[in-house]
Structure formats: C-alpha cells, structure tokens
PDB file of N, CA and C in Angstrom:
ATOM      1  N   MET A   1     -11.962  16.798  15.464  1.00  0.00           N
ATOM      2  CA  MET A   1     -12.493  16.571  14.404  1.00  0.00           C
ATOM      3  C   MET A   1     -13.148  15.155  14.479  1.00  0.00           C
ATOM      4  N   GLY A   2     -14.255  14.994  13.913  1.00  0.00           N
ATOM      5  CA  GLY A   2     -14.930  13.631  14.079  1.00  0.00           C
ATOM      6  C   GLY A   2     -15.891  13.394  13.010  1.00  0.00           C
ATOM      7  N   VAL A   3     -17.023  12.815  13.430  1.00  0.00           N
ATOM      8  CA  VAL A   3     -18.111  12.429  12.397  1.00  0.00           C
ATOM      9  C   VAL A   3     -18.483  13.570  11.407  1.00  0.00           C
ATOM     10  N   ASN A   4     -18.621  14.619  12.038  1.00  0.00           N
ATOM     11  CA  ASN A   4     -19.029  15.858  11.202  1.00  0.00           C
ATOM     12  C   ASN A   4     -18.088  16.187  10.119  1.00  0.00           C
ATOM     13  N   TYR A   5     -16.734  16.157  10.499  1.00  0.00           N
ATOM     14  CA  TYR A   5     -15.788  16.589   9.576  1.00  0.00           C
ATOM     15  C   TYR A   5     -15.716  15.481   8.440  1.00  0.00           C
ATOM     16  N   THR A   6     -15.861  14.278   8.828  1.00  0.00           N
ATOM     17  CA  THR A   6     -16.005  13.265   7.740  1.00  0.00           C
ATOM     18  C   THR A   6     -17.188  13.476   6.848  1.00  0.00           C
ATOM     19  N   ILE A   7     -18.472  13.760   7.438  1.00  0.00           N
ATOM     20  CA  ILE A   7     -19.569  13.841   6.608  1.00  0.00           C
ATOM     21  C   ILE A   7     -19.564  15.013   5.763  1.00  0.00           C
ATOM     22  N   GLY A   8     -18.963  16.153   6.352  1.00  0.00           N
ATOM     23  CA  GLY A   8     -18.730  17.453   5.427  1.00  0.00           C
ATOM     24  C   GLY A   8     -17.996  16.969   4.120  1.00  0.00           C
ATOM     25  N   LEU A   9     -16.948  16.221   4.463  1.00  0.00           N
ATOM     26  CA  LEU A   9     -15.909  16.086   3.373  1.00  0.00           C
ATOM     27  C   LEU A   9     -16.629  15.107   2.336  1.00  0.00           C
ATOM     28  N   LEU A  10     -17.478  14.203   2.845  1.00  0.00           N
ATOM     29  CA  LEU A  10     -18.304  13.313   1.824  1.00  0.00           C
ATOM     30  C   LEU A  10     -19.443  14.171   1.133  1.00  0.00           C
ATOM     31  N   ILE A  11     -19.690  15.127   1.662  1.00  0.00           N
ATOM     32  CA  ILE A  11     -20.726  15.881   1.050  1.00  0.00           C
ATOM     33  C   ILE A  11     -20.047  16.908   0.029  1.00  0.00           C
ATOM     34  N   ILE A  12     -18.919  17.366   0.219  1.00  0.00           N
ATOM     35  CA  ILE A  12     -18.070  18.104  -0.608  1.00  0.00           C
ATOM     36  C   ILE A  12     -17.635  17.128  -1.856  1.00  0.00           C
ATOM     37  N   THR A  13     -17.334  15.990  -1.537  1.00  0.00           N
ATOM     38  CA  THR A  13     -16.998  15.023  -2.647  1.00  0.00           C
ATOM     39  C   THR A  13     -18.200  14.677  -3.503  1.00  0.00           C
ATOM     40  N   LEU A  14     -19.398  14.418  -2.964  1.00  0.00           N
ATOM     41  CA  LEU A  14     -20.572  14.391  -3.771  1.00  0.00           C
ATOM     42  C   LEU A  14     -20.729  15.668  -4.569  1.00  0.00           C
ATOM     43  N   ALA A  15     -20.718  16.742  -4.023  1.00  0.00           N
ATOM     44  CA  ALA A  15     -20.754  18.096  -4.903  1.00  0.00           C
ATOM     45  C   ALA A  15     -19.795  18.078  -5.921  1.00  0.00           C
ATOM     46  N   TRP A  16     -18.548  17.703  -5.784  1.00  0.00           N
ATOM     47  CA  TRP A  16     -17.669  17.855  -6.933  1.00  0.00           C
ATOM     48  C   TRP A  16     -18.020  16.752  -7.973  1.00  0.00           C
ATOM     49  N   LEU A  17     -18.411  15.544  -7.486  1.00  0.00           N
ATOM     50  CA  LEU A  17     -18.699  14.467  -8.533  1.00  0.00           C
ATOM     51  C   LEU A  17     -19.963  14.863  -9.321  1.00  0.00           C
ATOM     52  N   LEU A  18     -20.908  15.541  -8.738  1.00  0.00           N
ATOM     53  CA  LEU A  18     -22.011  16.175  -9.622  1.00  0.00           C
ATOM     54  C   LEU A  18     -21.673  17.208 -10.566  1.00  0.00           C
ATOM     55  N   GLN A  19     -20.647  18.169 -10.058  1.00  0.00           N
ATOM     56  CA  GLN A  19     -20.194  19.177 -10.912  1.00  0.00           C
ATOM     57  C   GLN A  19     -19.405  18.650 -11.954  1.00  0.00           C
ATOM     58  N   LEU A  20     -18.613  17.612 -11.550  1.00  0.00           N
ATOM     59  CA  LEU A  20     -17.901  16.838 -12.847  1.00  0.00           C
ATOM     60  C   LEU A  20     -18.818  16.307 -13.924  1.00  0.00           C
ATOM     61  N   PHE A  21     -19.774  15.831 -13.411  1.00  0.00           N
ATOM     62  CA  PHE A  21     -20.807  15.268 -14.367  1.00  0.00           C
ATOM     63  C   PHE A  21     -21.564  16.467 -15.279  1.00  0.00           C
ATOM     64  N   PHE A  22     -21.822  17.472 -14.677  1.00  0.00           N
ATOM     65  CA  PHE A  22     -22.529  18.641 -15.478  1.00  0.00           C
ATOM     66  C   PHE A  22     -21.389  19.377 -16.248  1.00  0.00           C
ATOM     67  N   SER A  23     -20.211  19.115 -15.764  1.00  0.00           N
ATOM     68  CA  SER A  23     -19.287  20.279 -16.517  1.00  0.00           C
ATOM     69  C   SER A  23     -18.933  19.501 -17.764  1.00  0.00           C
ATOM     70  N   LEU A  24     -19.145  18.393 -18.047  1.00  0.00           N
ATOM     71  CA  LEU A  24     -18.635  17.564 -19.273  1.00  0.00           C
ATOM     72  C   LEU A  24     -19.207  18.200 -20.250  1.00  0.00           C
ATOM     73  N   LYS A  25     -20.552  18.843 -20.240  1.00  0.00           N
ATOM     74  CA  LYS A  25     -21.276  19.570 -21.314  1.00  0.00           C
ATOM     75  C   LYS A  25     -21.027  21.058 -21.260  1.00  0.00           C
ATOM     76  N   GLU A  26     -21.029  21.691 -20.206  1.00  0.00           N
ATOM     77  CA  GLU A  26     -21.038  23.236 -20.043  1.00  0.00           C
ATOM     78  C   GLU A  26     -19.761  23.838 -19.923  1.00  0.00           C
ATOM     79  N   ARG A  27     -18.823  23.395 -19.133  1.00  0.00           N
ATOM     80  CA  ARG A  27     -17.567  23.784 -18.791  1.00  0.00           C
ATOM     81  C   ARG A  27     -17.426  25.416 -18.476  1.00  0.00           C
ATOM     82  N   LYS A  28     -18.012  25.535 -17.171  1.00  0.00           N
ATOM     83  CA  LYS A  28     -18.208  26.900 -16.646  1.00  0.00           C
ATOM     84  C   LYS A  28     -17.448  27.299 -15.438  1.00  0.00           C
ATOM     85  N   ILE A  29     -16.743  26.418 -15.084  1.00  0.00           N
ATOM     86  CA  ILE A  29     -15.931  26.608 -13.940  1.00  0.00           C
ATOM     87  C   ILE A  29     -14.583  27.161 -14.348  1.00  0.00           C
ATOM     88  N   ARG A  30     -14.282  28.379 -13.612  1.00  0.00           N
ATOM     89  CA  ARG A  30     -13.107  29.067 -13.657  1.00  0.00           C
ATOM     90  C   ARG A  30     -11.799  28.350 -13.277  1.00  0.00           C
ATOM     91  N   LYS A  31     -10.577  28.495 -14.087  1.00  0.00           N
ATOM     92  CA  LYS A  31      -9.521  27.655 -13.627  1.00  0.00           C
ATOM     93  C   LYS A  31      -8.759  28.289 -12.402  1.00  0.00           C
ATOM     94  N   ARG A  32      -9.054  29.599 -12.036  1.00  0.00           N
ATOM     95  CA  ARG A  32      -8.457  30.112 -10.938  1.00  0.00           C
ATOM     96  C   ARG A  32      -9.032  29.498  -9.707  1.00  0.00           C
ATOM     97  N   PHE A  33     -10.370  29.260  -9.821  1.00  0.00           N
ATOM     98  CA  PHE A  33     -11.104  28.686  -8.591  1.00  0.00           C
ATOM     99  C   PHE A  33     -10.573  27.276  -8.306  1.00  0.00           C
ATOM    100  N   LEU A  34     -10.254  26.511  -9.387  1.00  0.00           N
ATOM    101  CA  LEU A  34      -9.877  25.198  -9.246  1.00  0.00           C
ATOM    102  C   LEU A  34      -8.463  25.076  -8.836  1.00  0.00           C
ATOM    103  N   VAL A  35      -7.683  26.105  -9.084  1.00  0.00           N
ATOM    104  CA  VAL A  35      -6.253  26.083  -8.590  1.00  0.00           C
ATOM    105  C   VAL A  35      -6.186  26.472  -7.062  1.00  0.00           C
ATOM    106  N   LEU A  36      -7.046  27.303  -6.814  1.00  0.00           N
ATOM    107  CA  LEU A  36      -6.986  27.652  -5.409  1.00  0.00           C
ATOM    108  C   LEU A  36      -7.731  26.652  -4.448  1.00  0.00           C
ATOM    109  N   TYR A  37      -8.643  25.995  -5.095  1.00  0.00           N
ATOM    110  CA  TYR A  37      -9.318  24.941  -4.349  1.00  0.00           C
ATOM    111  C   TYR A  37      -8.330  23.772  -4.276  1.00  0.00           C
ATOM    112  N   SER A  38      -7.689  23.377  -5.138  1.00  0.00           N
ATOM    113  CA  SER A  38      -6.639  22.419  -5.127  1.00  0.00           C
ATOM    114  C   SER A  38      -5.482  22.596  -4.091  1.00  0.00           C
ATOM    115  N   LEU A  39      -5.250  23.869  -4.210  1.00  0.00           N
ATOM    116  CA  LEU A  39      -4.119  24.398  -3.056  1.00  0.00           C
ATOM    117  C   LEU A  39      -4.611  24.291  -1.685  1.00  0.00           C
ATOM    118  N   GLY A  40      -5.810  24.738  -1.519  1.00  0.00           N
ATOM    119  CA  GLY A  40      -6.383  24.518  -0.176  1.00  0.00           C
ATOM    120  C   GLY A  40      -6.565  23.146   0.269  1.00  0.00           C
ATOM    121  N   THR A  41      -7.049  22.244  -0.654  1.00  0.00           N
ATOM    122  CA  THR A  41      -7.275  20.722  -0.286  1.00  0.00           C
ATOM    123  C   THR A  41      -6.033  20.163  -0.079  1.00  0.00           C
ATOM    124  N   THR A  42      -4.745  20.571  -0.804  1.00  0.00           N
ATOM    125  CA  THR A  42      -3.471  19.984  -0.548  1.00  0.00           C
ATOM    126  C   THR A  42      -3.027  20.380   0.867  1.00  0.00           C
ATOM    127  N   LEU A  43      -3.334  21.681   1.267  1.00  0.00           N
ATOM    128  CA  LEU A  43      -3.032  21.908   2.624  1.00  0.00           C
ATOM    129  C   LEU A  43      -3.905  21.250   3.726  1.00  0.00           C
ATOM    130  N   LEU A  44      -5.128  20.765   3.362  1.00  0.00           N
ATOM    131  CA  LEU A  44      -5.941  19.916   4.376  1.00  0.00           C
ATOM    132  C   LEU A  44      -5.383  18.471   4.241  1.00  0.00           C
ATOM    133  N   ILE A  45      -4.906  17.997   3.215  1.00  0.00           N
ATOM    134  CA  ILE A  45      -4.072  16.706   3.181  1.00  0.00           C
ATOM    135  C   ILE A  45      -2.930  16.742   4.040  1.00  0.00           C
ATOM    136  N   ILE A  46      -2.180  17.657   3.847  1.00  0.00           N
ATOM    137  CA  ILE A  46      -1.094  17.870   4.715  1.00  0.00           C
ATOM    138  C   ILE A  46      -1.303  17.876   6.160  1.00  0.00           C
ATOM    139  N   ASP A  47      -2.341  18.793   6.514  1.00  0.00           N
ATOM    140  CA  ASP A  47      -2.818  18.780   8.000  1.00  0.00           C
ATOM    141  C   ASP A  47      -3.441  17.499   8.438  1.00  0.00           C
ATOM    142  N   SER A  48      -4.172  16.838   7.702  1.00  0.00           N
ATOM    143  CA  SER A  48      -4.637  15.419   7.975  1.00  0.00           C
ATOM    144  C   SER A  48      -3.544  14.399   8.446  1.00  0.00           C
ATOM    145  N   TRP A  49      -2.606  14.508   7.474  1.00  0.00           N
ATOM    146  CA  TRP A  49      -1.595  13.605   7.391  1.00  0.00           C
ATOM    147  C   TRP A  49      -0.836  13.696   8.676  1.00  0.00           C
ATOM    148  N   SER A  50      -0.498  14.980   9.079  1.00  0.00           N
ATOM    149  CA  SER A  50       0.300  15.297  10.259  1.00  0.00           C
ATOM    150  C   SER A  50      -0.481  14.910  11.562  1.00  0.00           C
ATOM    151  N   LEU A  51      -1.714  14.995  11.451  1.00  0.00           N
ATOM    152  CA  LEU A  51      -2.639  14.545  12.685  1.00  0.00           C
ATOM    153  C   LEU A  51      -2.881  13.229  12.857  1.00  0.00           C
ATOM    154  N   GLY A  52      -2.557  12.452  11.738  1.00  0.00           N
ATOM    155  CA  GLY A  52      -2.824  11.027  11.715  1.00  0.00           C
ATOM    156  C   GLY A  52      -4.241  10.796  11.369  1.00  0.00           C
ATOM    157  N   LEU A  53      -4.946  11.653  10.848  1.00  0.00           N
ATOM    158  CA  LEU A  53      -6.501  11.298  10.355  1.00  0.00           C
ATOM    159  C   LEU A  53      -6.487  10.834   9.163  1.00  0.00           C
ATOM    160  N   ILE A  54      -6.402   9.310   9.023  1.00  0.00           N
ATOM    161  CA  ILE A  54      -6.382   8.784   7.796  1.00  0.00           C
ATOM    162  C   ILE A  54      -7.775   8.886   6.955  1.00  0.00           C
ATOM    163  N   ASP A  55      -8.936   8.982   7.686  1.00  0.00           N
ATOM    164  CA  ASP A  55     -10.124   8.935   6.846  1.00  0.00           C
ATOM    165  C   ASP A  55     -10.171  10.432   6.235  1.00  0.00           C
ATOM    166  N   ALA A  56      -9.897  11.437   6.976  1.00  0.00           N
ATOM    167  CA  ALA A  56      -9.879  12.807   6.275  1.00  0.00           C
ATOM    168  C   ALA A  56      -8.659  12.983   5.297  1.00  0.00           C
ATOM    169  N   TRP A  57      -7.622  12.171   5.496  1.00  0.00           N
ATOM    170  CA  TRP A  57      -6.549  12.342   4.462  1.00  0.00           C
ATOM    171  C   TRP A  57      -7.011  11.754   3.198  1.00  0.00           C
ATOM    172  N   VAL A  58      -7.573  10.482   3.386  1.00  0.00           N
ATOM    173  CA  VAL A  58      -8.125   9.782   2.141  1.00  0.00           C
ATOM    174  C   VAL A  58      -9.165  10.602   1.290  1.00  0.00           C
ATOM    175  N   LEU A  59     -10.087  11.334   2.045  1.00  0.00           N
ATOM    176  CA  LEU A  59     -11.210  11.802   1.476  1.00  0.00           C
ATOM    177  C   LEU A  59     -10.576  13.141   0.866  1.00  0.00           C
ATOM    178  N   ASN A  60      -9.882  13.751   1.401  1.00  0.00           N
ATOM    179  CA  ASN A  60      -9.070  15.135   0.757  1.00  0.00           C
ATOM    180  C   ASN A  60      -8.403  14.653  -0.384  1.00  0.00           C
ATOM    181  N   LEU A  61      -7.668  13.676  -0.381  1.00  0.00           N
ATOM    182  CA  LEU A  61      -6.936  13.003  -1.568  1.00  0.00           C
ATOM    183  C   LEU A  61      -7.769  12.742  -2.740  1.00  0.00           C
ATOM    184  N   VAL A  62      -9.071  12.147  -2.538  1.00  0.00           N
ATOM    185  CA  VAL A  62     -10.024  11.847  -3.559  1.00  0.00           C
ATOM    186  C   VAL A  62     -10.533  13.396  -4.098  1.00  0.00           C
ATOM    187  N   ILE A  63     -10.842  14.194  -3.111  1.00  0.00           N
ATOM    188  CA  ILE A  63     -11.515  15.372  -3.660  1.00  0.00           C
ATOM    189  C   ILE A  63     -10.326  16.165  -4.474  1.00  0.00           C
ATOM    190  N   LEU A  64      -9.035  16.136  -4.144  1.00  0.00           N
ATOM    191  CA  LEU A  64      -8.018  16.691  -5.033  1.00  0.00           C
ATOM    192  C   LEU A  64      -7.849  16.045  -6.329  1.00  0.00           C
ATOM    193  N   ALA A  65      -8.186  14.616  -6.371  1.00  0.00           N
ATOM    194  CA  ALA A  65      -8.181  14.054  -7.645  1.00  0.00           C
ATOM    195  C   ALA A  65      -9.156  14.660  -8.447  1.00  0.00           C
ATOM    196  N   ILE A  66     -10.441  14.659  -7.953  1.00  0.00           N
ATOM    197  CA  ILE A  66     -11.614  15.231  -8.788  1.00  0.00           C
ATOM    198  C   ILE A  66     -11.197  16.730  -9.427  1.00  0.00           C
ATOM    199  N   VAL A  67     -10.758  17.578  -8.309  1.00  0.00           N
ATOM    200  CA  VAL A  67     -10.416  18.915  -8.707  1.00  0.00           C
ATOM    201  C   VAL A  67      -9.489  18.990  -9.917  1.00  0.00           C
ATOM    202  N   LEU A  68      -8.441  18.066  -9.791  1.00  0.00           N
ATOM    203  CA  LEU A  68      -7.372  18.233 -10.866  1.00  0.00           C
ATOM    204  C   LEU A  68      -7.974  17.564 -12.022  1.00  0.00           C
ATOM    205  N   LEU A  69      -8.961  16.725 -11.978  1.00  0.00           N
ATOM    206  CA  LEU A  69      -9.587  16.036 -13.184  1.00  0.00           C
ATOM    207  C   LEU A  69     -10.420  17.254 -13.925  1.00  0.00           C
ATOM    208  N   MET A  70     -11.000  17.951 -12.976  1.00  0.00           N
ATOM    209  CA  MET A  70     -12.022  19.107 -13.432  1.00  0.00           C
ATOM    210  C   MET A  70     -11.077  20.083 -14.467  1.00  0.00           C
ATOM    211  N   LEU A  71      -9.841  20.190 -13.646  1.00  0.00           N
ATOM    212  CA  LEU A  71      -8.921  21.347 -14.275  1.00  0.00           C
ATOM    213  C   LEU A  71      -8.594  20.879 -15.748  1.00  0.00           C
ATOM    214  N   ILE A  72      -8.318  19.549 -15.876  1.00  0.00           N
ATOM    215  CA  ILE A  72      -8.053  19.002 -17.132  1.00  0.00           C
ATOM    216  C   ILE A  72      -9.126  18.818 -18.139  1.00  0.00           C
ATOM    217  N   ILE A  73     -10.487  18.781 -17.710  1.00  0.00           N
ATOM    218  CA  ILE A  73     -11.542  18.656 -18.509  1.00  0.00           C
ATOM    219  C   ILE A  73     -11.714  20.127 -19.014  1.00  0.00           C
ATOM    220  N   ILE A  74     -11.671  21.167 -18.141  1.00  0.00           N
ATOM    221  CA  ILE A  74     -11.874  22.398 -18.602  1.00  0.00           C
ATOM    222  C   ILE A  74     -10.807  23.017 -19.473  1.00  0.00           C
ATOM    223  N   SER A  75      -9.716  22.633 -19.409  1.00  0.00           N
ATOM    224  CA  SER A  75      -8.526  23.053 -20.196  1.00  0.00           C
ATOM    225  C   SER A  75      -8.475  22.598 -21.708  1.00  0.00           C
ATOM    226  N   ILE A  76      -9.139  21.411 -21.766  1.00  0.00           N
ATOM    227  CA  ILE A  76      -9.257  20.799 -23.175  1.00  0.00           C
ATOM    228  C   ILE A  76     -10.174  21.722 -24.184  1.00  0.00           C
ATOM    229  N   GLU A  77      -9.569  22.189 -25.300  1.00  0.00           N
ATOM    230  CA  GLU A  77     -10.364  23.073 -26.168  1.00  0.00           C
ATOM    231  C   GLU A  77     -11.507  22.330 -26.831  1.00  0.00           C
ATOM    232  N   LYS A  78     -12.510  23.133 -27.019  1.00  0.00           N
ATOM    233  CA  LYS A  78     -13.878  22.505 -27.527  1.00  0.00           C
ATOM    234  C   LYS A  78     -13.568  22.449 -29.075  1.00  0.00           C
ATOM    235  N   PRO A  79     -14.161  21.585 -29.743  1.00  0.00           N
ATOM    236  CA  PRO A  79     -14.077  21.464 -31.167  1.00  0.00           C
ATOM    237  C   PRO A  79     -14.624  22.708 -31.839  1.00  0.00           C
ATOM    238  N   LYS A  80     -14.118  23.192 -32.689  1.00  0.00           N
ATOM    239  CA  LYS A  80     -14.988  24.577 -33.451  1.00  0.00           C
ATOM    240  C   LYS A  80     -15.967  23.942 -34.410  1.00  0.00           C
ATOM    241  N   ILE A  81     -17.127  24.590 -34.100  1.00  0.00           N
ATOM    242  CA  ILE A  81     -18.116  24.297 -35.137  1.00  0.00           C
ATOM    243  C   ILE A  81     -18.092  25.237 -36.291  1.00  0.00           C
ATOM    244  N   ILE A  82     -17.979  24.687 -37.474  1.00  0.00           N
ATOM    245  CA  ILE A  82     -17.935  25.162 -38.774  1.00  0.00           C
ATOM    246  C   ILE A  82     -19.213  25.097 -39.577  1.00  0.00           C
ATOM    247  N   SER A  83     -19.647  26.059 -40.532  1.00  0.00           N
ATOM    248  CA  SER A  83     -20.903  25.889 -41.267  1.00  0.00           C
ATOM    249  C   SER A  83     -20.570  24.932 -42.351  1.00  0.00           C
ATOM    250  N   VAL A  84     -21.635  24.381 -43.037  1.00  0.00           N
ATOM    251  CA  VAL A  84     -21.540  23.448 -43.992  1.00  0.00           C
ATOM    252  C   VAL A  84     -20.839  24.104 -45.245  1.00  0.00           C
ATOM    253  N   GLU A  85     -21.134  25.342 -45.589  1.00  0.00           N
ATOM    254  CA  GLU A  85     -20.452  25.916 -46.755  1.00  0.00           C
ATOM    255  C   GLU A  85     -19.017  26.042 -46.373  1.00  0.00           C
ATOM    256  N   ARG A  86     -18.667  26.488 -45.183  1.00  0.00           N
ATOM    257  CA  ARG A  86     -17.124  26.582 -45.106  1.00  0.00           C
ATOM    258  C   ARG A  86     -16.457  25.321 -45.167  1.00  0.00           C
ATOM    259  N   TYR A  87     -17.013  24.070 -44.746  1.00  0.00           N
ATOM    260  CA  TYR A  87     -16.552  22.886 -44.610  1.00  0.00           C
ATOM    261  C   TYR A  87     -16.297  22.567 -46.237  1.00  0.00           C
ATOM    262  N   LYS A  88     -17.256  22.671 -47.056  1.00  0.00           N
ATOM    263  CA  LYS A  88     -17.040  22.519 -48.446  1.00  0.00           C
ATOM    264  C   LYS A  88     -15.977  23.234 -49.111  1.00  0.00           C
ATOM    265  N   ARG A  89     -15.959  24.432 -48.767  1.00  0.00           N
ATOM    266  CA  ARG A  89     -14.660  25.376 -49.243  1.00  0.00           C
ATOM    267  C   ARG A  89     -13.419  24.760 -48.758  1.00  0.00           C
ATOM    268  N   MET A  90     -13.460  24.333 -47.485  1.00  0.00           N
ATOM    269  CA  MET A  90     -12.143  23.739 -47.205  1.00  0.00           C
ATOM    270  C   MET A  90     -11.775  22.463 -47.776  1.00  0.00           C
ATOM    271  N   LYS A  91     -12.697  21.712 -48.150  1.00  0.00           N
ATOM    272  CA  LYS A  91     -12.654  20.413 -48.691  1.00  0.00           C
ATOM    273  C   LYS A  91     -12.156  20.522 -50.277  1.00  0.00           C
ATOM    274  N   GLN A  92     -12.703  21.665 -50.993  1.00  0.00           N
ATOM    275  CA  GLN A  92     -12.436  22.054 -52.306  1.00  0.00           C
ATOM    276  C   GLN A  92     -10.781  22.557 -52.382  1.00  0.00           C
ATOM    277  N   LYS A  93     -10.530  23.303 -51.123  1.00  0.00           N
ATOM    278  CA  LYS A  93      -9.017  23.724 -51.397  1.00  0.00           C
ATOM    279  C   LYS A  93      -8.224  22.551 -51.110  1.00  0.00           C
ATOM    280  N   ARG A  94      -8.361  21.349 -50.325  1.00  0.00           N
ATOM    281  CA  ARG A  94      -7.573  20.472 -50.365  1.00  0.00           C
ATOM    282  C   ARG A  94      -7.383  19.679 -51.485  1.00  0.00           C
ATOM    283  N   LYS A  95      -8.480  19.692 -52.265  1.00  0.00           N
ATOM    284  CA  LYS A  95      -8.403  18.817 -53.411  1.00  0.00           C
ATOM    285  C   LYS A  95      -7.606  19.586 -54.338  1.00  0.00           C
ATOM    286  N   LYS A  96      -7.554  20.796 -54.464  1.00  0.00           N
ATOM    287  CA  LYS A  96      -6.638  21.682 -55.407  1.00  0.00           C
ATOM    288  C   LYS A  96      -5.271  21.389 -55.119  1.00  0.00           C
ATOM    289  N   ARG A  97      -4.777  21.035 -53.985  1.00  0.00           N
ATOM    290  CA  ARG A  97      -3.360  21.002 -53.569  1.00  0.00           C
ATOM    291  C   ARG A  97      -2.863  19.658 -54.137  1.00  0.00           C
TER     292      ARG A  97
END
C-alpha cells in the first residue's frame, strides 16, 4: 500500500463529506449500509494499525467518524408537518384544559 491507497481514502473521505452535506436535507441513506460500512471501516482501521500504517489508520478513523455521524443524523426523526387547521384545533384543546 502506498500513495494510491492514501489517495483512494482521501477520495472516499471527500465523498462522505459531500454525502453528509446533502443528507442534512434529504436523509436518503439506509441504516444497514452505514452499519456495514462502519464495520468494514473498523476492520480497515484494525488492519492499518497492525501493519503500522499511521496515515491509513488516521484516514480510516476520520471516515468512521463521518459514517457514525451520518448514522446519527438519519436516525433523528424529522419534525411532523401539520396543517394550520390542525394546529388551531390542538391549541384550542390546550386552552380547554
């Protein structure tokens, strides 16, 4: 492993950063994908650590942090959008209490 491996990891990191930016609005990534991806990245971290490849270990750790952040973001529930009429009815019910 050498320069190509490091460049590849940098490209993957860039791809995840872009996905993170776009998913803040859309939230279309499946949780299973993220769980499997984080598992694979964890194995890469272990492998890089055991081989003494510090640059690969650090880049994989950054990627894992991004994946886990994505998992947290898509796990947060979106606020429910309600109609104005329903909001007014809910407000009236609260006043009656």
